[in-house]
Protein backbone atom coordinates (compact mmCIF):
# COMPACT_ATOMS: atom_id res chain seq x y z
CA MET A 1 0.00 0.00 0.00
CA MET A 2 1.34 3.41 -0.98
CA ALA A 3 1.05 6.58 1.04
CA PRO A 4 -0.89 9.42 -0.60
CA LEU A 5 1.15 12.07 -2.38
CA ILE A 6 0.72 15.45 -0.72
CA GLU A 7 2.27 18.56 -2.19
CA ARG A 8 2.74 21.73 -0.17
CA PHE A 9 1.95 25.08 -1.76
CA PRO A 10 1.74 28.69 -0.59
CA SER A 11 -1.58 29.66 1.03
CA HIS A 12 -1.52 33.23 -0.36
CA CYS A 13 0.17 35.09 -3.19
CA PRO A 14 2.44 38.07 -2.37
CA LEU A 15 -0.55 40.43 -2.83
CA GLY A 16 -2.63 38.49 -0.28
CA HIS A 17 -4.98 36.56 -2.59
CA ARG A 18 -5.91 33.12 -1.21
CA LEU A 19 -4.64 30.15 -3.20
CA GLY A 20 -6.15 26.70 -3.45
CA GLY A 21 -8.44 24.72 -5.71
CA ARG A 22 -9.65 26.74 -8.71
CA ARG A 23 -7.70 29.78 -7.46
CA MET A 24 -4.28 29.02 -8.96
CA LEU A 25 -2.48 27.30 -11.79
CA VAL A 26 0.27 24.81 -10.98
CA GLY A 27 3.14 24.23 -13.35
CA TRP A 28 6.76 23.29 -13.80
CA ASP A 29 9.57 25.66 -14.89
CA ASN A 30 12.10 23.64 -16.90
CA ARG A 31 14.13 26.70 -17.90
CA SER A 32 15.46 27.35 -14.39
CA ASP A 33 18.42 25.44 -12.98
CA PRO A 34 17.41 23.23 -11.24
CA PRO A 35 13.84 22.91 -12.61
CA GLN A 36 11.23 23.89 -10.04
CA ARG A 37 7.51 23.96 -9.31
CA ILE A 38 5.63 27.21 -9.99
CA TRP A 39 2.22 28.50 -8.92
CA ILE A 40 0.33 31.27 -10.72
CA CYS A 41 -2.29 33.30 -8.84
CA GLY A 42 -5.67 33.16 -10.60
CA ARG A 43 -6.50 36.78 -9.72
CA CYS A 44 -3.30 38.75 -10.34
CA ASP A 45 -1.19 36.33 -12.47
CA ILE A 46 1.86 36.59 -10.19
CA VAL A 47 4.22 33.64 -10.73
CA MET A 48 5.64 32.13 -7.54
CA HIS A 49 8.60 29.71 -7.63
CA SER A 50 9.16 26.93 -5.10
CA THR A 51 12.56 28.41 -4.18
CA ASP A 52 10.80 31.63 -3.05
CA TYR A 53 9.30 29.89 0.00
CA PRO A 54 11.35 28.79 3.03
CA TRP A 55 9.78 25.37 3.52
CA PRO A 56 10.41 23.76 6.90
CA SER A 57 13.00 21.01 6.88
CA ALA A 58 11.83 17.39 6.80
CA ASP A 59 13.81 16.52 9.96
């Protein structure tokens, strides 16, 4: 049995708009080095990169 895959994402864009289902686009930026996950706010079109967020360590 496999554990469910859960992906963390920012709760708000830099302008304060809430993110979640039907409120953002999720993508992948292959042009950056290394490639990284991106999120695009559905209201203001700001692109957020996964390296912009200080995720807590998995320790």
